[in-house]
């Protein structure tokens, strides 16, 4: 979907109080770059939580996430924490 199509869906389904004023939607990211739904490339100056230090999709982090997903995706930590 294009940014315009995604914006139409956002206007229709996302509560105005929770909506972001941003009009570009991230499609993929690698290292310090993000591409939007229209294929435009941006430097990720804002950095999402958890990617500020090493960038998007670092191979070691991707491998660790895949290994964890093969074991347990998530539990309530107060009931049964995991490794």
PDB file of N, CA and C in Angstrom:
ATOM      1  N   UNK A   1       0.830  -1.191   0.000  1.00  0.00           N
ATOM      2  CA  UNK A   1       0.000   0.000   0.000  1.00  0.00           C
ATOM      3  C   UNK A   1       0.870   1.248   0.000  1.00  0.00           C
ATOM      4  N   UNK A   2       0.376   2.287  -0.582  1.00  0.00           N
ATOM      5  CA  UNK A   2       1.100   3.558  -0.623  1.00  0.00           C
ATOM      6  C   UNK A   2       0.866   4.342   0.668  1.00  0.00           C
ATOM      7  N   UNK A   3       1.677   5.390   0.850  1.00  0.00           N
ATOM      8  CA  UNK A   3       1.467   6.272   2.000  1.00  0.00           C
ATOM      9  C   UNK A   3       0.064   6.870   1.979  1.00  0.00           C
ATOM     10  N   UNK A   4      -0.412   7.261   0.796  1.00  0.00           N
ATOM     11  CA  UNK A   4      -1.747   7.865   0.691  1.00  0.00           C
ATOM     12  C   UNK A   4      -2.832   6.877   1.112  1.00  0.00           C
ATOM     13  N   UNK A   5      -2.710   5.634   0.664  1.00  0.00           N
ATOM     14  CA  UNK A   5      -3.704   4.618   1.039  1.00  0.00           C
ATOM     15  C   UNK A   5      -3.665   4.333   2.540  1.00  0.00           C
ATOM     16  N   UNK A   6      -2.460   4.259   3.088  1.00  0.00           N
ATOM     17  CA  UNK A   6      -2.326   4.015   4.523  1.00  0.00           C
ATOM     18  C   UNK A   6      -2.866   5.190   5.331  1.00  0.00           C
ATOM     19  N   UNK A   7      -2.665   6.414   4.842  1.00  0.00           N
ATOM     20  CA  UNK A   7      -3.215   7.589   5.527  1.00  0.00           C
ATOM     21  C   UNK A   7      -4.734   7.563   5.537  1.00  0.00           C
ATOM     22  N   UNK A   8      -5.339   7.118   4.445  1.00  0.00           N
ATOM     23  CA  UNK A   8      -6.801   6.998   4.407  1.00  0.00           C
ATOM     24  C   UNK A   8      -7.287   6.009   5.462  1.00  0.00           C
ATOM     25  N   UNK A   9      -6.605   4.869   5.576  1.00  0.00           N
ATOM     26  CA  UNK A   9      -6.980   3.883   6.595  1.00  0.00           C
ATOM     27  C   UNK A   9      -6.780   4.440   8.000  1.00  0.00           C
ATOM     28  N   UNK A  10      -5.679   5.191   8.190  1.00  0.00           N
ATOM     29  CA  UNK A  10      -5.419   5.794   9.502  1.00  0.00           C
ATOM     30  C   UNK A  10      -6.543   6.754   9.868  1.00  0.00           C
ATOM     31  N   UNK A  11      -6.937   7.596   8.921  1.00  0.00           N
ATOM     32  CA  UNK A  11      -8.018   8.554   9.173  1.00  0.00           C
ATOM     33  C   UNK A  11      -9.323   7.843   9.531  1.00  0.00           C
ATOM     34  N   UNK A  12      -9.551   6.707   8.913  1.00  0.00           N
ATOM     35  CA  UNK A  12     -10.804   5.983   9.100  1.00  0.00           C
ATOM     36  C   UNK A  12     -10.836   5.181  10.401  1.00  0.00           C
ATOM     37  N   UNK A  13      -9.699   4.569  10.790  1.00  0.00           N
ATOM     38  CA  UNK A  13      -9.721   3.594  11.874  1.00  0.00           C
ATOM     39  C   UNK A  13      -8.967   3.969  13.148  1.00  0.00           C
ATOM     40  N   UNK A  14      -8.101   4.965  13.104  1.00  0.00           N
ATOM     41  CA  UNK A  14      -7.306   5.308  14.287  1.00  0.00           C
ATOM     42  C   UNK A  14      -7.932   6.519  14.974  1.00  0.00           C
ATOM     43  N   UNK A  15      -8.138   6.394  16.275  1.00  0.00           N
ATOM     44  CA  UNK A  15      -8.718   7.496  17.045  1.00  0.00           C
ATOM     45  C   UNK A  15      -7.840   8.734  16.917  1.00  0.00           C
ATOM     46  N   UNK A  16      -8.462   9.873  16.748  1.00  0.00           N
ATOM     47  CA  UNK A  16      -7.725  11.120  16.531  1.00  0.00           C
ATOM     48  C   UNK A  16      -6.755  11.425  17.669  1.00  0.00           C
ATOM     49  N   UNK A  17      -7.114  11.088  18.890  1.00  0.00           N
ATOM     50  CA  UNK A  17      -6.239  11.347  20.027  1.00  0.00           C
ATOM     51  C   UNK A  17      -4.981  10.505  20.026  1.00  0.00           C
ATOM     52  N   UNK A  18      -5.024   9.360  19.337  1.00  0.00           N
ATOM     53  CA  UNK A  18      -3.873   8.457  19.296  1.00  0.00           C
ATOM     54  C   UNK A  18      -3.105   8.569  17.992  1.00  0.00           C
ATOM     55  N   UNK A  19      -3.595   9.346  17.070  1.00  0.00           N
ATOM     56  CA  UNK A  19      -2.998   9.413  15.741  1.00  0.00           C
ATOM     57  C   UNK A  19      -1.742  10.272  15.725  1.00  0.00           C
ATOM     58  N   UNK A  20      -0.820   9.907  14.874  1.00  0.00           N
ATOM     59  CA  UNK A  20       0.398  10.665  14.651  1.00  0.00           C
ATOM     60  C   UNK A  20       0.175  11.617  13.481  1.00  0.00           C
ATOM     61  N   UNK A  21       0.785  12.794  13.510  1.00  0.00           N
ATOM     62  CA  UNK A  21       0.650  13.701  12.372  1.00  0.00           C
ATOM     63  C   UNK A  21       1.490  13.261  11.169  1.00  0.00           C
ATOM     64  N   UNK A  22       2.326  12.249  11.344  1.00  0.00           N
ATOM     65  CA  UNK A  22       3.193  11.783  10.262  1.00  0.00           C
ATOM     66  C   UNK A  22       2.364  11.258   9.093  1.00  0.00           C
ATOM     67  N   UNK A  23       2.851  11.504   7.893  1.00  0.00           N
ATOM     68  CA  UNK A  23       2.141  11.056   6.694  1.00  0.00           C
ATOM     69  C   UNK A  23       2.891   9.970   5.939  1.00  0.00           C
ATOM     70  N   UNK A  24       4.107   9.646   6.362  1.00  0.00           N
ATOM     71  CA  UNK A  24       4.883   8.570   5.751  1.00  0.00           C
ATOM     72  C   UNK A  24       4.826   7.354   6.674  1.00  0.00           C
ATOM     73  N   UNK A  25       4.719   6.175   6.083  1.00  0.00           N
ATOM     74  CA  UNK A  25       4.628   4.932   6.846  1.00  0.00           C
ATOM     75  C   UNK A  25       5.848   4.069   6.557  1.00  0.00           C
ATOM     76  N   UNK A  26       6.514   3.603   7.599  1.00  0.00           N
ATOM     77  CA  UNK A  26       7.704   2.774   7.440  1.00  0.00           C
ATOM     78  C   UNK A  26       7.336   1.444   6.797  1.00  0.00           C
ATOM     79  N   UNK A  27       8.096   1.068   5.773  1.00  0.00           N
ATOM     80  CA  UNK A  27       7.907  -0.211   5.095  1.00  0.00           C
ATOM     81  C   UNK A  27       9.006  -1.189   5.466  1.00  0.00           C
ATOM     82  N   UNK A  28      10.239  -0.681   5.541  1.00  0.00           N
ATOM     83  CA  UNK A  28      11.371  -1.515   5.947  1.00  0.00           C
ATOM     84  C   UNK A  28      12.463  -0.606   6.492  1.00  0.00           C
ATOM     85  N   UNK A  29      13.392  -1.223   7.212  1.00  0.00           N
ATOM     86  CA  UNK A  29      14.489  -0.456   7.791  1.00  0.00           C
ATOM     87  C   UNK A  29      15.719  -1.336   7.899  1.00  0.00           C
ATOM     88  N   UNK A  30      16.870  -0.704   7.796  1.00  0.00           N
ATOM     89  CA  UNK A  30      18.130  -1.407   7.975  1.00  0.00           C
ATOM     90  C   UNK A  30      19.166  -0.407   8.446  1.00  0.00           C
ATOM     91  N   UNK A  31      19.918  -0.818   9.469  1.00  0.00           N
ATOM     92  CA  UNK A  31      20.921   0.049  10.079  1.00  0.00           C
ATOM     93  C   UNK A  31      20.282   1.379  10.481  1.00  0.00           C
ATOM     94  N   UNK A  32      20.740   2.499   9.925  1.00  0.00           N
ATOM     95  CA  UNK A  32      20.202   3.806  10.325  1.00  0.00           C
ATOM     96  C   UNK A  32      19.261   4.390   9.275  1.00  0.00           C
ATOM     97  N   UNK A  33      18.755   3.530   8.373  1.00  0.00           N
ATOM     98  CA  UNK A  33      17.884   4.020   7.311  1.00  0.00           C
ATOM     99  C   UNK A  33      16.513   3.360   7.365  1.00  0.00           C
ATOM    100  N   UNK A  34      15.496   4.117   6.934  1.00  0.00           N
ATOM    101  CA  UNK A  34      14.119   3.631   6.875  1.00  0.00           C
ATOM    102  C   UNK A  34      13.560   3.994   5.501  1.00  0.00           C
ATOM    103  N   UNK A  35      12.832   3.054   4.893  1.00  0.00           N
ATOM    104  CA  UNK A  35      12.154   3.301   3.628  1.00  0.00           C
ATOM    105  C   UNK A  35      10.661   3.347   3.893  1.00  0.00           C
ATOM    106  N   UNK A  36       9.975   4.296   3.264  1.00  0.00           N
ATOM    107  CA  UNK A  36       8.531   4.394   3.468  1.00  0.00           C
ATOM    108  C   UNK A  36       7.775   3.551   2.442  1.00  0.00           C
ATOM    109  N   UNK A  37       6.464   3.574   2.543  1.00  0.00           N
ATOM    110  CA  UNK A  37       5.610   2.756   1.683  1.00  0.00           C
ATOM    111  C   UNK A  37       5.715   3.148   0.212  1.00  0.00           C
ATOM    112  N   UNK A  38       6.203   4.355  -0.072  1.00  0.00           N
ATOM    113  CA  UNK A  38       6.383   4.798  -1.452  1.00  0.00           C
ATOM    114  C   UNK A  38       7.805   4.574  -1.953  1.00  0.00           C
ATOM    115  N   UNK A  39       8.661   3.971  -1.128  1.00  0.00           N
ATOM    116  CA  UNK A  39      10.031   3.682  -1.535  1.00  0.00           C
ATOM    117  C   UNK A  39      11.026   4.789  -1.265  1.00  0.00           C
ATOM    118  N   UNK A  40      10.622   5.857  -0.598  1.00  0.00           N
ATOM    119  CA  UNK A  40      11.544   6.944  -0.249  1.00  0.00           C
ATOM    120  C   UNK A  40      12.435   6.514   0.906  1.00  0.00           C
ATOM    121  N   UNK A  41      13.719   6.860   0.824  1.00  0.00           N
ATOM    122  CA  UNK A  41      14.684   6.492   1.863  1.00  0.00           C
ATOM    123  C   UNK A  41      14.935   7.678   2.787  1.00  0.00           C
ATOM    124  N   UNK A  42      14.961   7.384   4.094  1.00  0.00           N
ATOM    125  CA  UNK A  42      15.193   8.409   5.117  1.00  0.00           C
ATOM    126  C   UNK A  42      16.295   7.958   6.063  1.00  0.00           C
ATOM    127  N   UNK A  43      17.042   8.891   6.601  1.00  0.00           N
ATOM    128  CA  UNK A  43      17.925   8.596   7.722  1.00  0.00           C
ATOM    129  C   UNK A  43      17.044   8.590   8.962  1.00  0.00           C
ATOM    130  N   UNK A  44      17.143   7.539   9.764  1.00  0.00           N
ATOM    131  CA  UNK A  44      16.293   7.407  10.946  1.00  0.00           C
ATOM    132  C   UNK A  44      16.859   8.260  12.078  1.00  0.00           C
ATOM    133  N   UNK A  45      16.576   9.548  12.033  1.00  0.00           N
ATOM    134  CA  UNK A  45      17.081  10.463  13.058  1.00  0.00           C
ATOM    135  C   UNK A  45      16.329  10.326  14.368  1.00  0.00           C
ATOM    136  N   UNK A  46      15.135   9.749  14.340  1.00  0.00           N
ATOM    137  CA  UNK A  46      14.330   9.615  15.551  1.00  0.00           C
ATOM    138  C   UNK A  46      14.631   8.316  16.278  1.00  0.00           C
ATOM    139  N   UNK A  47      14.973   7.277  15.572  1.00  0.00           N
ATOM    140  CA  UNK A  47      15.326   5.991  16.169  1.00  0.00           C
ATOM    141  C   UNK A  47      14.266   5.428  17.080  1.00  0.00           C
ATOM    142  N   UNK A  48      13.688   4.323  16.680  1.00  0.00           N
ATOM    143  CA  UNK A  48      12.695   3.671  17.528  1.00  0.00           C
ATOM    144  C   UNK A  48      13.337   3.110  18.781  1.00  0.00           C
ATOM    145  N   UNK A  49      12.545   2.906  19.805  1.00  0.00           N
ATOM    146  CA  UNK A  49      13.048   2.336  21.052  1.00  0.00           C
ATOM    147  C   UNK A  49      13.682   0.985  20.749  1.00  0.00           C
ATOM    148  N   UNK A  50      14.900   0.792  21.210  1.00  0.00           N
ATOM    149  CA  UNK A  50      15.581  -0.478  21.028  1.00  0.00           C
ATOM    150  C   UNK A  50      16.502  -0.529  19.816  1.00  0.00           C
ATOM    151  N   UNK A  51      16.499   0.486  18.953  1.00  0.00           N
ATOM    152  CA  UNK A  51      17.385   0.447  17.796  1.00  0.00           C
ATOM    153  C   UNK A  51      18.379   1.607  17.776  1.00  0.00           C
ATOM    154  N   UNK A  52      18.370   2.414  18.805  1.00  0.00           N
ATOM    155  CA  UNK A  52      19.229   3.591  18.793  1.00  0.00           C
ATOM    156  C   UNK A  52      20.715   3.254  18.803  1.00  0.00           C
ATOM    157  N   UNK A  53      21.111   2.200  19.482  1.00  0.00           N
ATOM    158  CA  UNK A  53      22.531   1.902  19.628  1.00  0.00           C
ATOM    159  C   UNK A  53      23.138   1.152  18.451  1.00  0.00           C
ATOM    160  N   UNK A  54      22.392   0.231  17.852  1.00  0.00           N
ATOM    161  CA  UNK A  54      22.985  -0.619  16.813  1.00  0.00           C
ATOM    162  C   UNK A  54      22.257  -0.564  15.479  1.00  0.00           C
ATOM    163  N   UNK A  55      21.199   0.182  15.376  1.00  0.00           N
ATOM    164  CA  UNK A  55      20.467   0.285  14.121  1.00  0.00           C
ATOM    165  C   UNK A  55      19.420  -0.811  13.974  1.00  0.00           C
ATOM    166  N   UNK A  56      18.675  -0.723  12.899  1.00  0.00           N
ATOM    167  CA  UNK A  56      17.612  -1.689  12.626  1.00  0.00           C
ATOM    168  C   UNK A  56      18.199  -3.003  12.111  1.00  0.00           C
ATOM    169  N   UNK A  57      17.627  -4.110  12.537  1.00  0.00           N
ATOM    170  CA  UNK A  57      17.872  -5.446  12.001  1.00  0.00           C
ATOM    171  C   UNK A  57      19.326  -5.905  12.093  1.00  0.00           C
ATOM    172  N   UNK A  58      20.008  -5.593  13.178  1.00  0.00           N
ATOM    173  CA  UNK A  58      21.370  -6.088  13.351  1.00  0.00           C
ATOM    174  C   UNK A  58      21.325  -7.619  13.350  1.00  0.00           C
ATOM    175  N   UNK A  59      22.204  -8.285  12.599  1.00  0.00           N
ATOM    176  CA  UNK A  59      22.141  -9.746  12.474  1.00  0.00           C
ATOM    177  C   UNK A  59      22.167 -10.507  13.798  1.00  0.00           C
ATOM    178  N   UNK A  60      22.945 -10.045  14.768  1.00  0.00           N
ATOM    179  CA  UNK A  60      22.995 -10.744  16.060  1.00  0.00           C
ATOM    180  C   UNK A  60      21.676 -10.606  16.815  1.00  0.00           C
ATOM    181  N   UNK A  61      21.048  -9.439  16.718  1.00  0.00           N
ATOM    182  CA  UNK A  61      19.761  -9.237  17.388  1.00  0.00           C
ATOM    183  C   UNK A  61      18.678 -10.060  16.693  1.00  0.00           C
ATOM    184  N   UNK A  62      18.672 -10.066  15.364  1.00  0.00           N
ATOM    185  CA  UNK A  62      17.691 -10.862  14.616  1.00  0.00           C
ATOM    186  C   UNK A  62      17.826 -12.336  14.979  1.00  0.00           C
ATOM    187  N   UNK A  63      19.052 -12.847  15.061  1.00  0.00           N
ATOM    188  CA  UNK A  63      19.272 -14.252  15.424  1.00  0.00           C
ATOM    189  C   UNK A  63      18.775 -14.541  16.838  1.00  0.00           C
ATOM    190  N   UNK A  64      19.037 -13.636  17.770  1.00  0.00           N
ATOM    191  CA  UNK A  64      18.589 -13.837  19.153  1.00  0.00           C
ATOM    192  C   UNK A  64      17.065 -13.811  19.252  1.00  0.00           C
ATOM    193  N   UNK A  65      16.423 -12.919  18.517  1.00  0.00           N
ATOM    194  CA  UNK A  65      14.954 -12.847  18.531  1.00  0.00           C
ATOM    195  C   UNK A  65      14.361 -14.120  17.944  1.00  0.00           C
ATOM    196  N   UNK A  66      14.906 -14.589  16.825  1.00  0.00           N
ATOM    197  CA  UNK A  66      14.407 -15.827  16.216  1.00  0.00           C
ATOM    198  C   UNK A  66      14.562 -17.003  17.172  1.00  0.00           C
ATOM    199  N   UNK A  67      15.701 -17.086  17.846  1.00  0.00           N
ATOM    200  CA  UNK A  67      15.922 -18.176  18.802  1.00  0.00           C
ATOM    201  C   UNK A  67      14.915 -18.106  19.945  1.00  0.00           C
ATOM    202  N   UNK A  68      14.646 -16.914  20.454  1.00  0.00           N
ATOM    203  CA  UNK A  68      13.676 -16.768  21.538  1.00  0.00           C
ATOM    204  C   UNK A  68      12.271 -17.129  21.070  1.00  0.00           C
ATOM    205  N   UNK A  69      11.896 -16.716  19.872  1.00  0.00           N
ATOM    206  CA  UNK A  69      10.561 -17.022  19.347  1.00  0.00           C
ATOM    207  C   UNK A  69      10.351 -18.519  19.167  1.00  0.00           C
ATOM    208  N   UNK A  70      11.427 -19.258  18.922  1.00  0.00           N
ATOM    209  CA  UNK A  70      11.315 -20.716  18.816  1.00  0.00           C
ATOM    210  C   UNK A  70      11.059 -21.359  20.172  1.00  0.00           C
ATOM    211  N   UNK A  71      11.345 -20.633  21.252  1.00  0.00           N
ATOM    212  CA  UNK A  71      11.153 -21.173  22.603  1.00  0.00           C
ATOM    213  C   UNK A  71       9.863 -20.658  23.233  1.00  0.00           C
ATOM    214  N   UNK A  72       9.811 -19.391  23.543  1.00  0.00           N
ATOM    215  CA  UNK A  72       8.652 -18.754  24.178  1.00  0.00           C
ATOM    216  C   UNK A  72       8.547 -17.352  23.596  1.00  0.00           C
ATOM    217  N   UNK A  73       7.352 -16.978  23.164  1.00  0.00           N
ATOM    218  CA  UNK A  73       7.195 -15.633  22.610  1.00  0.00           C
ATOM    219  C   UNK A  73       7.111 -14.592  23.720  1.00  0.00           C
ATOM    220  N   UNK A  74       6.195 -14.799  24.664  1.00  0.00           N
ATOM    221  CA  UNK A  74       6.060 -13.857  25.773  1.00  0.00           C
ATOM    222  C   UNK A  74       5.114 -14.441  26.811  1.00  0.00           C
ATOM    223  N   UNK A  75       5.404 -14.171  28.045  1.00  0.00           N
ATOM    224  CA  UNK A  75       4.505 -14.517  29.145  1.00  0.00           C
ATOM    225  C   UNK A  75       4.389 -13.305  30.058  1.00  0.00           C
ATOM    226  N   UNK A  76       3.459 -13.359  30.979  1.00  0.00           N
ATOM    227  CA  UNK A  76       3.362 -12.312  31.990  1.00  0.00           C
ATOM    228  C   UNK A  76       4.506 -12.527  32.978  1.00  0.00           C
ATOM    229  N   UNK A  77       5.404 -11.581  33.063  1.00  0.00           N
ATOM    230  CA  UNK A  77       6.598 -11.738  33.893  1.00  0.00           C
ATOM    231  C   UNK A  77       6.294 -11.905  35.377  1.00  0.00           C
ATOM    232  N   UNK A  78       5.173 -11.392  35.844  1.00  0.00           N
ATOM    233  CA  UNK A  78       4.853 -11.539  37.264  1.00  0.00           C
ATOM    234  C   UNK A  78       4.281 -12.912  37.579  1.00  0.00           C
ATOM    235  N   UNK A  79       3.790 -13.631  36.572  1.00  0.00           N
ATOM    236  CA  UNK A  79       3.222 -14.965  36.778  1.00  0.00           C
ATOM    237  C   UNK A  79       4.253 -16.045  36.492  1.00  0.00           C
ATOM    238  N   UNK A  80       4.912 -15.975  35.340  1.00  0.00           N
ATOM    239  CA  UNK A  80       5.928 -16.958  34.976  1.00  0.00           C
ATOM    240  C   UNK A  80       6.965 -16.317  34.066  1.00  0.00           C
ATOM    241  N   UNK A  81       8.036 -15.799  34.659  1.00  0.00           N
ATOM    242  CA  UNK A  81       9.077 -15.187  33.835  1.00  0.00           C
ATOM    243  C   UNK A  81       9.828 -16.242  33.025  1.00  0.00           C
ATOM    244  N   UNK A  82      10.512 -15.804  32.015  1.00  0.00           N
ATOM    245  CA  UNK A  82      11.321 -16.703  31.196  1.00  0.00           C
ATOM    246  C   UNK A  82      12.739 -16.177  31.132  1.00  0.00           C
ATOM    247  N   UNK A  83      13.628 -17.023  30.638  1.00  0.00           N
ATOM    248  CA  UNK A  83      15.048 -16.692  30.561  1.00  0.00           C
ATOM    249  C   UNK A  83      15.285 -15.434  29.757  1.00  0.00           C
TER     250      UNK A  83
END
